[in-house]
């Protein structure tokens, strides 16, 4: 969905695009984000890394500060990366209609033409029409079914899409007015940051002090009551097969189904089952006599839930975080700029990893104080630096890296290098790495 979002907007005769998208994401997702953009030809050196999450309003503020850093004042199209839009032509036509309003200083939101009384979305009531846009009368929270049906019957309400368009300066002016503490914290975090290859690392302490709020709550809902600000809110209706796939049940709605209404991926067997979403990443998942369920099997955990209760998964996540469970803190599979590794087994004083190094890439020249490592090459060719030695290993060969010895792993070939690493020692944490040289600028 990140790739689809990046590819969704193309230059037209009416407007042009910047060379690269601005992406705001958590710093733990920096490498997979950069790699996914590169894979579809949307490389960006404008990836802003958040050390902690602070919702969408601070994220947009950081993006606006970056967009305006060179003295320009571009029109920004703000798109969450978890949306599905089936009719891209209709989406681009709506963008065309929105550009003149945003360029003239308005804050534009895109309201989805509702086709059912959805209780999982917020709604926007439209006001007076001006050309091909509407004034924003009010935002309303997620309704019950009866209220949602009333909204649909009135014809005056649209789903709140979370898609926006405005000039960078307009957003920054609104933040300074409505959320001065947020604006101050974001500016301090941005000014205290620095460029790190394709990434912009903001100041952690300053951003941790930033209030958390959404674009709607922080600014958009206040526009109609603040005419002295001189910023008008506008709604552009959008009918483009839109869906906010922020939950598994929403993914079921937009996915292709079998004759019984099931959506499956991976090794799944169904018997007397209907209207389910079942994803299997590593093992066979067999389902018998179930209906309206979501089952997601990953190396980290297994989720089993009633499709109508998916909003309650937030309670499980809160409990995981409160107990500081590993499932809430990190994934088993970790992406790095050189490839990825998967921690496939661990126990007292040992850990086993599957490591894949992309062609032409290398890990840092490093050393460990508390662990030794055994490397077994499964596929490809490895160039090994071990102390003063440099040598090649191919499939089915292995080597040993003693504790305290400087070493490096490289893939000189044209195909991915795959290996198994067995670590043993008194401490196996990822912070037991002393880097002497690194292609990617890591300390």
Protein backbone atom coordinates (compact mmCIF):
# COMPACT_ATOMS: atom_id res chain seq x y z
CA UNK A 1 0.00 0.00 0.00
CA UNK A 2 2.97 2.33 0.56
CA UNK A 3 4.09 1.68 -3.02
CA UNK A 4 0.57 2.15 -4.38
CA UNK A 5 0.30 5.47 -2.54
CA UNK A 6 3.59 6.70 -4.00
CA UNK A 7 2.53 5.68 -7.51
CA UNK A 8 -0.97 7.11 -7.22
CA UNK A 9 -0.09 10.69 -8.10
CA UNK A 10 1.36 11.45 -11.51
CA UNK A 11 2.18 14.76 -13.16
CA UNK A 12 -0.52 16.13 -15.48
CA UNK A 13 -0.88 19.07 -17.85
CA UNK A 14 -2.20 21.19 -14.98
CA UNK A 15 0.37 20.57 -12.24
CA UNK A 16 3.81 19.11 -11.74
CA UNK A 17 5.26 17.01 -8.96
CA UNK A 18 8.35 17.41 -6.83
CA UNK A 19 11.17 15.04 -7.72
CA UNK A 20 10.62 12.82 -4.68
CA UNK A 21 7.83 12.35 -2.13
CA UNK A 22 8.21 13.43 1.48
CA UNK A 23 7.60 10.41 3.71
CA UNK A 24 7.16 10.62 7.48
CA UNK A 25 7.57 7.30 9.30
CA UNK A 26 8.88 5.78 12.49
CA UNK A 27 12.65 5.41 12.50
CA UNK A 28 12.35 1.63 12.96
CA UNK A 29 10.79 1.43 9.48
CA UNK A 30 13.38 3.56 7.71
CA UNK A 31 15.12 0.84 5.71
CA UNK A 32 12.05 -1.05 4.54
CA UNK A 33 10.40 2.27 3.61
CA UNK A 34 13.38 3.37 1.55
CA UNK A 35 13.67 -0.04 -0.11
CA UNK A 36 9.98 -0.24 -1.00
CA UNK A 37 10.09 3.23 -2.59
CA UNK A 38 13.26 2.37 -4.50
CA UNK A 39 11.70 -0.82 -5.83
CA UNK A 40 8.99 1.14 -7.68
CA UNK A 41 11.21 3.99 -8.87
CA UNK A 42 10.07 6.49 -6.23
CA UNK A 43 13.37 6.93 -4.39
CA UNK A 44 13.34 9.75 -1.89
CA UNK A 45 15.95 11.57 0.15
CA UNK A 46 13.12 13.24 2.08
CA UNK A 47 12.26 10.48 4.58
CA UNK A 48 11.59 12.12 7.94
CA UNK A 49 12.14 9.78 10.89
CA UNK A 50 9.98 10.06 13.99
CA UNK A 51 11.62 8.62 17.13
CA UNK A 52 8.14 8.30 18.72
CA UNK A 53 4.62 8.50 17.33
CA UNK A 54 2.71 11.75 17.83
CA UNK A 55 -0.24 11.30 15.43
CA UNK A 56 -0.84 12.98 12.07
CA UNK A 57 -0.78 16.71 12.93
CA UNK A 58 2.89 16.74 14.10
CA UNK A 59 3.81 14.48 11.17
CA UNK A 60 2.32 16.97 8.70
CA UNK A 61 4.03 19.83 10.53
CA UNK A 62 7.42 18.17 10.06
CA UNK A 63 6.67 17.58 6.37
CA UNK A 64 5.63 21.21 5.91
CA UNK A 65 8.81 22.45 7.59
CA UNK A 66 10.89 20.28 5.27
CA UNK A 67 8.94 21.39 2.19
CA UNK A 68 9.44 25.06 3.10
CA UNK A 69 13.08 24.74 4.18
CA UNK A 70 14.44 26.00 0.86
CA UNK A 71 12.24 29.10 0.88
CA UNK A 72 9.52 27.72 -1.39
CA UNK A 73 5.86 27.30 -0.51
CA UNK A 74 4.56 24.26 -2.39
CA UNK A 75 1.08 22.81 -2.36
CA UNK A 76 1.16 19.61 -0.32
CA UNK A 77 -1.03 16.56 -0.95
CA UNK A 78 -1.26 14.58 2.28
CA UNK A 79 -1.94 10.86 1.85
CA UNK A 80 -1.90 8.14 4.51
CA UNK A 81 -0.20 5.00 3.23
CA UNK A 82 -2.93 2.57 4.34
CA UNK A 83 -5.59 3.54 1.80
CA UNK A 84 -6.88 1.61 -1.20
CA UNK A 85 -8.11 3.60 -4.21
CA UNK A 86 -9.42 1.48 -7.08
CA UNK A 87 -10.19 4.27 -9.58
CA UNK A 88 -6.91 6.17 -9.87
CA UNK A 89 -8.20 8.28 -12.79
CA UNK A 90 -11.09 9.56 -10.66
CA UNK A 91 -8.65 10.24 -7.81
CA UNK A 92 -6.38 12.28 -10.06
CA UNK A 93 -9.37 14.21 -11.40
CA UNK A 94 -10.28 15.16 -7.82
CA UNK A 95 -6.69 16.28 -7.25
CA UNK A 96 -6.98 18.49 -10.34
CA UNK A 97 -10.11 20.12 -8.91
CA UNK A 98 -8.46 20.69 -5.52
CA UNK A 99 -5.23 22.33 -6.71
CA UNK A 100 -6.68 25.81 -7.49
CA UNK A 101 -8.36 26.00 -4.08
CA UNK A 102 -5.22 24.95 -2.20
CA UNK A 103 -2.99 27.22 -4.30
CA UNK A 104 -5.26 30.15 -3.38
CA UNK A 105 -4.77 29.48 0.34
CA UNK A 106 -7.61 27.12 1.29
CA UNK A 107 -7.31 23.91 3.30
CA UNK A 108 -8.88 21.16 1.23
CA UNK A 109 -10.18 17.86 2.52
CA UNK A 110 -11.51 15.09 0.31
CA UNK A 111 -14.89 13.74 1.33
CA UNK A 112 -15.74 10.23 0.19
CA UNK A 113 -19.16 9.81 -1.41
CA UNK A 114 -20.70 7.29 1.01
CA UNK A 115 -22.40 4.18 -0.37
CA UNK A 116 -23.39 2.56 2.93
CA UNK A 117 -24.06 3.56 6.57
CA UNK A 118 -20.50 2.88 7.73
CA UNK A 119 -19.94 3.15 11.49
CA UNK A 120 -16.15 2.83 11.32
CA UNK A 121 -15.53 6.20 9.66
CA UNK A 122 -16.01 9.80 10.72
CA UNK A 123 -18.20 12.05 8.57
CA UNK A 124 -18.03 15.62 7.23
CA UNK A 125 -21.15 17.71 6.69
CA UNK A 126 -20.83 19.87 3.62
CA UNK A 127 -21.94 23.48 3.53
CA UNK A 128 -22.52 25.94 0.73
CA UNK A 129 -21.18 25.09 -2.71
CA UNK A 130 -18.54 27.28 -4.34
CA UNK A 131 -17.59 26.27 -7.87
CA UNK A 132 -16.79 22.53 -7.64
CA UNK A 133 -16.07 22.54 -3.88
CA UNK A 134 -18.10 22.85 -0.69
CA UNK A 135 -17.57 24.69 2.57
CA UNK A 136 -16.95 22.58 5.67
CA UNK A 137 -20.00 22.75 7.93
CA UNK A 138 -18.75 20.37 10.61
CA UNK A 139 -16.92 17.15 11.36
CA UNK A 140 -18.76 14.40 13.24
CA UNK A 141 -17.45 11.35 15.05
CA UNK A 142 -18.06 7.72 14.12
CA UNK A 143 -21.86 7.28 14.41
CA UNK A 144 -24.10 4.37 15.30
CA UNK A 145 -25.93 2.61 12.46
CA UNK A 146 -29.14 4.67 12.71
CA UNK A 147 -27.26 7.97 12.74
CA UNK A 148 -25.07 6.87 9.84
CA UNK A 149 -28.17 5.94 7.81
CA UNK A 150 -29.58 9.40 8.53
CA UNK A 151 -26.40 10.97 7.21
CA UNK A 152 -26.63 8.92 4.01
CA UNK A 153 -30.32 9.76 3.50
CA UNK A 154 -29.70 13.50 3.91
CA UNK A 155 -27.15 13.62 1.10
CA UNK A 156 -25.17 16.28 2.99
CA UNK A 157 -22.56 14.03 4.60
CA UNK A 158 -19.39 12.47 3.23
CA UNK A 159 -16.92 10.06 4.80
CA UNK A 160 -13.86 11.74 6.27
CA UNK A 161 -11.04 10.32 4.14
CA UNK A 162 -8.00 11.71 5.97
CA UNK A 163 -6.73 13.05 2.61
CA UNK A 164 -5.84 16.75 2.54
CA UNK A 165 -4.28 19.40 0.32
CA UNK A 166 -2.86 22.82 1.29
CA UNK A 167 0.17 25.03 1.01
CA UNK A 168 2.97 24.39 3.50
CA UNK A 169 2.76 27.97 4.82
CA UNK A 170 -1.01 27.69 5.34
CA UNK A 171 -0.63 24.62 7.53
CA UNK A 172 2.20 26.14 9.55
CA UNK A 173 0.16 29.33 10.11
CA UNK A 174 -2.81 27.28 11.32
CA UNK A 175 -0.64 25.22 13.68
CA UNK A 176 0.88 28.38 15.18
CA UNK A 177 -2.65 29.66 15.85
CA UNK A 178 -4.42 26.54 17.08
CA UNK A 179 -1.58 24.42 18.48
CA UNK A 180 1.32 26.72 19.44
CA UNK A 181 2.95 24.14 21.74
CA UNK A 182 2.88 21.57 18.95
CA UNK A 183 4.28 24.06 16.45
CA UNK A 184 7.08 25.06 18.80
CA UNK A 185 8.04 21.46 19.60
CA UNK A 186 8.00 20.40 15.94
CA UNK A 187 10.12 23.37 14.88
CA UNK A 188 12.63 22.66 17.66
CA UNK A 189 12.74 18.99 16.66
CA UNK A 190 13.22 19.87 13.00
CA UNK A 191 15.81 22.60 13.61
CA UNK A 192 17.73 20.25 15.90
CA UNK A 193 17.73 17.45 13.34
CA UNK A 194 20.21 16.47 10.66
CA UNK A 195 20.34 14.74 7.29
CA UNK A 196 21.54 11.11 7.39
CA UNK A 197 21.82 9.82 3.82
CA UNK A 198 18.20 9.61 2.59
CA UNK A 199 16.80 10.24 6.06
CA UNK A 200 16.19 13.35 8.12
CA UNK A 201 16.56 12.58 11.81
CA UNK A 202 14.70 15.02 14.02
CA UNK A 203 15.73 15.81 17.58
CA UNK A 204 14.28 13.12 19.82
CA UNK A 205 13.97 15.06 23.08
CA UNK A 206 12.19 17.97 21.42
CA UNK A 207 9.74 15.71 19.60
CA UNK A 208 8.97 13.65 22.68
CA UNK A 209 7.72 16.90 24.25
CA UNK A 210 5.31 17.46 21.34
CA UNK A 211 1.56 17.09 21.99
CA UNK A 212 -0.13 14.26 20.10
CA UNK A 213 -3.15 15.06 17.93
CA UNK A 214 -4.69 14.37 14.54
CA UNK A 215 -4.98 16.80 11.63
CA UNK A 216 -8.76 16.92 12.10
CA UNK A 217 -8.80 17.62 15.83
CA UNK A 218 -5.79 19.94 15.84
CA UNK A 219 -6.84 22.21 12.98
CA UNK A 220 -9.54 21.22 10.49
CA UNK A 221 -12.46 21.15 12.95
CA UNK A 222 -11.59 24.65 14.16
CA UNK A 223 -11.51 26.42 10.79
CA UNK A 224 -15.22 27.18 10.49
CA UNK A 225 -15.24 28.88 13.91
CA UNK A 226 -12.17 31.04 13.26
CA UNK A 227 -12.91 33.35 10.30
CA UNK A 228 -10.32 35.91 11.44
CA UNK A 229 -7.54 33.44 10.56
CA UNK A 230 -8.26 34.00 6.88
CA UNK A 231 -8.06 30.31 5.98
CA UNK A 232 -11.11 28.68 4.44
CA UNK A 233 -11.88 24.98 4.57
CA UNK A 234 -13.04 23.28 1.38
CA UNK A 235 -14.43 19.81 0.62
CA UNK A 236 -13.83 18.08 -2.71
CA UNK A 237 -16.15 15.06 -3.13
CA UNK A 238 -14.29 11.90 -4.13
CA UNK A 239 -15.84 8.76 -5.63
CA UNK A 240 -12.86 6.58 -6.52
CA UNK A 241 -13.35 3.21 -4.84
CA UNK A 242 -11.68 4.46 -1.64
CA UNK A 243 -11.20 2.39 1.50
CA UNK A 244 -9.23 3.07 4.66
CA UNK A 245 -7.50 -0.26 5.22
CA UNK A 246 -6.44 0.50 8.76
CA UNK A 247 -7.79 -2.80 10.10
CA UNK A 248 -7.99 -6.42 9.01
CA UNK A 249 -11.76 -6.36 8.51
CA UNK A 250 -11.34 -3.43 6.11
CA UNK A 251 -8.75 -5.43 4.18
CA UNK A 252 -11.30 -8.26 3.86
CA UNK A 253 -13.81 -5.81 2.39
CA UNK A 254 -11.50 -4.64 -0.43
CA UNK A 255 -9.92 -8.01 -1.27
CA UNK A 256 -10.96 -10.57 -3.87
CA UNK A 257 -12.99 -13.38 -2.29
CA UNK A 258 -13.72 -17.00 -3.13
CA UNK A 259 -17.23 -18.35 -3.65
CA UNK A 260 -17.83 -18.55 0.11
CA UNK A 261 -16.61 -15.02 0.78
CA UNK A 262 -13.22 -16.06 2.14
CA UNK A 263 -9.98 -14.11 1.63
CA UNK A 264 -6.83 -16.18 2.09
CA UNK A 265 -3.09 -15.82 1.65
CA UNK A 266 -0.39 -18.42 2.24
CA UNK A 267 -0.86 -22.05 3.20
CA UNK A 268 -4.54 -22.11 4.21
CA UNK A 269 -7.10 -24.96 4.13
CA UNK A 270 -10.80 -24.24 4.68
CA UNK A 271 -13.68 -26.62 5.39
CA UNK A 272 -17.27 -25.38 5.89
CA UNK A 273 -15.99 -21.84 6.36
CA UNK A 274 -17.33 -18.55 5.01
CA UNK A 275 -16.67 -14.80 5.07
CA UNK A 276 -13.27 -15.18 6.74
CA UNK A 277 -9.90 -13.51 6.25
CA UNK A 278 -7.06 -15.97 6.88
CA UNK A 279 -3.40 -15.05 6.34
CA UNK A 280 -0.62 -17.57 6.93
CA UNK A 281 3.02 -16.50 6.70
CA UNK A 282 4.93 -19.52 7.91
CA UNK A 283 2.71 -22.49 8.76
CA UNK A 284 -0.36 -24.31 7.55
CA UNK A 285 -3.54 -22.77 8.98
CA UNK A 286 -6.55 -25.12 8.83
CA UNK A 287 -10.03 -23.74 9.54
CA UNK A 288 -13.16 -25.85 10.06
CA UNK A 289 -16.70 -24.59 10.57
CA UNK A 290 -15.92 -20.94 11.20
CA UNK A 291 -17.59 -17.78 9.87
CA UNK A 292 -16.84 -14.06 9.95
CA UNK A 293 -13.38 -14.52 11.48
CA UNK A 294 -9.98 -12.90 11.05
CA UNK A 295 -6.99 -15.23 11.54
CA UNK A 296 -3.47 -13.91 10.97
CA UNK A 297 -0.47 -16.18 11.53
CA UNK A 298 2.98 -14.55 11.56
CA UNK A 299 6.34 -15.54 13.04
CA UNK A 300 5.69 -13.05 15.85
CA UNK A 301 2.19 -14.00 16.96
CA UNK A 302 -1.22 -15.41 15.93
CA UNK A 303 -4.38 -13.28 15.90
CA UNK A 304 -7.86 -14.86 16.06
CA UNK A 305 -10.78 -12.44 16.19
CA UNK A 306 -14.41 -11.92 15.26
CA UNK A 307 -14.45 -9.65 12.21
CA UNK A 308 -17.06 -7.40 13.88
CA UNK A 309 -14.83 -6.88 16.95
CA UNK A 310 -11.63 -5.71 15.24
CA UNK A 311 -11.74 -2.27 16.88
CA UNK A 312 -11.07 -4.01 20.20
CA UNK A 313 -7.61 -5.14 19.09
CA UNK A 314 -6.40 -1.79 20.47
CA UNK A 315 -7.02 -3.16 23.97
CA UNK A 316 -4.75 -6.13 23.29
CA UNK A 317 -2.03 -3.84 21.92
CA UNK A 318 -2.27 -1.64 25.03
CA UNK A 319 -1.88 -4.68 27.26
CA UNK A 320 1.15 -5.89 25.29
CA UNK A 321 2.76 -2.48 25.61
CA UNK A 322 1.91 -2.24 29.30
CA UNK A 323 3.58 -5.59 29.95
CA UNK A 324 6.52 -4.59 27.71
CA UNK A 325 6.10 -7.78 25.75
CA UNK A 326 8.63 -8.36 22.98
CA UNK A 327 5.78 -8.61 20.45
CA UNK A 328 4.97 -4.95 21.05
CA UNK A 329 8.57 -3.76 20.88
CA UNK A 330 10.14 -5.38 17.82
CA UNK A 331 9.51 -7.71 14.90
CA UNK A 332 11.29 -11.01 14.48
CA UNK A 333 12.28 -10.05 10.93
CA UNK A 334 14.33 -6.85 10.85
CA UNK A 335 15.15 -4.89 7.69
CA UNK A 336 18.52 -3.21 7.29
CA UNK A 337 20.00 -1.13 4.43
CA UNK A 338 21.98 -4.18 3.28
CA UNK A 339 19.08 -6.68 3.45
CA UNK A 340 17.38 -8.32 6.42
CA UNK A 341 17.68 -10.87 9.19
CA UNK A 342 15.18 -13.16 10.88
CA UNK A 343 15.74 -14.38 14.46
CA UNK A 344 14.57 -17.95 13.99
CA UNK A 345 15.53 -19.39 17.39
CA UNK A 346 16.96 -18.29 20.73
CA UNK A 347 17.73 -19.69 24.16
CA UNK A 348 20.05 -19.24 27.09
CA UNK A 349 23.41 -18.00 25.72
CA UNK A 350 22.55 -18.63 22.05
CA UNK A 351 20.62 -17.14 19.15
CA UNK A 352 20.13 -18.31 15.55
CA UNK A 353 19.52 -15.90 12.68
CA UNK A 354 18.79 -16.28 9.00
CA UNK A 355 20.60 -13.43 7.20
CA UNK A 356 20.08 -12.25 3.61
CA UNK A 357 22.51 -9.71 2.10
CA UNK A 358 21.53 -7.97 -1.14
CA UNK A 359 23.93 -8.11 -4.13
CA UNK A 360 26.81 -5.67 -3.82
CA UNK A 361 25.98 -4.81 -0.20
CA UNK A 362 27.97 -5.26 2.99
CA UNK A 363 27.53 -5.11 6.73
CA UNK A 364 29.66 -2.76 8.80
CA UNK A 365 33.22 -3.58 9.89
CA UNK A 366 32.46 -4.44 13.50
CA UNK A 367 33.34 -6.29 16.68
CA UNK A 368 31.41 -7.79 19.61
CA UNK A 369 32.49 -7.78 23.25
CA UNK A 370 30.19 -10.53 24.51
CA UNK A 371 29.50 -13.03 21.73
CA UNK A 372 31.14 -15.23 19.12
CA UNK A 373 29.49 -16.13 15.80
CA UNK A 374 29.39 -19.16 13.49
CA UNK A 375 28.48 -18.46 9.84
CA UNK A 376 27.12 -21.10 7.44
CA UNK A 377 26.64 -20.09 3.79
CA UNK A 378 23.38 -21.46 2.34
CA UNK A 379 23.20 -19.63 -1.00
CA UNK A 380 25.53 -17.32 -2.90
CA UNK A 381 29.08 -16.20 -2.22
CA UNK A 382 30.38 -14.29 0.81
CA UNK A 383 33.50 -12.19 1.18
CA UNK A 384 34.61 -12.44 4.80
CA UNK A 385 36.89 -10.08 6.68
CA UNK A 386 38.12 -11.69 9.93
CA UNK A 387 40.88 -9.76 11.64
CA UNK A 388 43.66 -9.42 9.06
CA UNK A 389 42.22 -12.17 6.82
CA UNK A 390 39.99 -11.60 3.77
CA UNK A 391 38.59 -14.72 2.06
CA UNK A 392 35.61 -16.05 0.06
CA UNK A 393 33.10 -18.67 1.13
CA UNK A 394 30.52 -20.37 -1.10
CA UNK A 395 27.51 -22.61 -0.50
CA UNK A 396 27.87 -25.28 2.22
CA UNK A 397 31.03 -23.69 3.64
CA UNK A 398 31.31 -22.08 7.07
CA UNK A 399 33.56 -20.01 9.32
CA UNK A 400 33.92 -18.92 12.94
CA UNK A 401 34.20 -15.35 14.27
CA UNK A 402 35.76 -15.39 17.77
CA UNK A 403 34.66 -12.96 20.45
CA UNK A 404 36.44 -9.60 20.17
CA UNK A 405 37.68 -10.12 16.57
CA UNK A 406 36.97 -7.42 13.97
CA UNK A 407 34.90 -8.78 11.08
CA UNK A 408 32.76 -7.89 8.08
CA UNK A 409 30.32 -9.77 5.80
CA UNK A 410 29.96 -8.74 2.13
CA UNK A 411 28.05 -10.02 -0.90
CA UNK A 412 30.26 -9.53 -3.98
CA UNK A 413 27.90 -11.49 -6.23
CA UNK A 414 24.90 -10.68 -8.41
CA UNK A 415 22.41 -12.74 -6.40
CA UNK A 416 21.26 -12.49 -2.76
CA UNK A 417 23.58 -14.08 -0.20
CA UNK A 418 21.79 -16.26 2.34
CA UNK A 419 23.43 -17.59 5.47
CA UNK A 420 22.72 -18.96 8.93
CA UNK A 421 24.39 -17.25 11.89
CA UNK A 422 24.65 -18.94 15.28
CA UNK A 423 25.57 -16.54 18.08
CA UNK A 424 26.83 -17.76 21.45
CA UNK A 425 27.88 -15.77 24.48
CA UNK A 426 26.91 -14.06 27.71
CA UNK A 427 24.98 -11.21 26.02
CA UNK A 428 23.33 -11.28 22.58
CA UNK A 429 21.69 -7.85 22.32
CA UNK A 430 21.87 -5.78 19.14
CA UNK A 431 23.61 -2.98 21.05
CA UNK A 432 26.73 -5.17 21.46
CA UNK A 433 28.14 -3.85 18.16
CA UNK A 434 31.24 -1.67 17.90
CA UNK A 435 31.35 -0.28 14.34
CA UNK A 436 34.67 0.81 12.85
CA UNK A 437 33.49 1.48 9.29
CA UNK A 438 30.00 1.59 7.82
CA UNK A 439 28.77 2.27 4.28
CA UNK A 440 25.51 3.66 5.62
CA UNK A 441 26.87 6.20 8.08
CA UNK A 442 25.78 4.36 11.24
CA UNK A 443 27.83 4.87 14.39
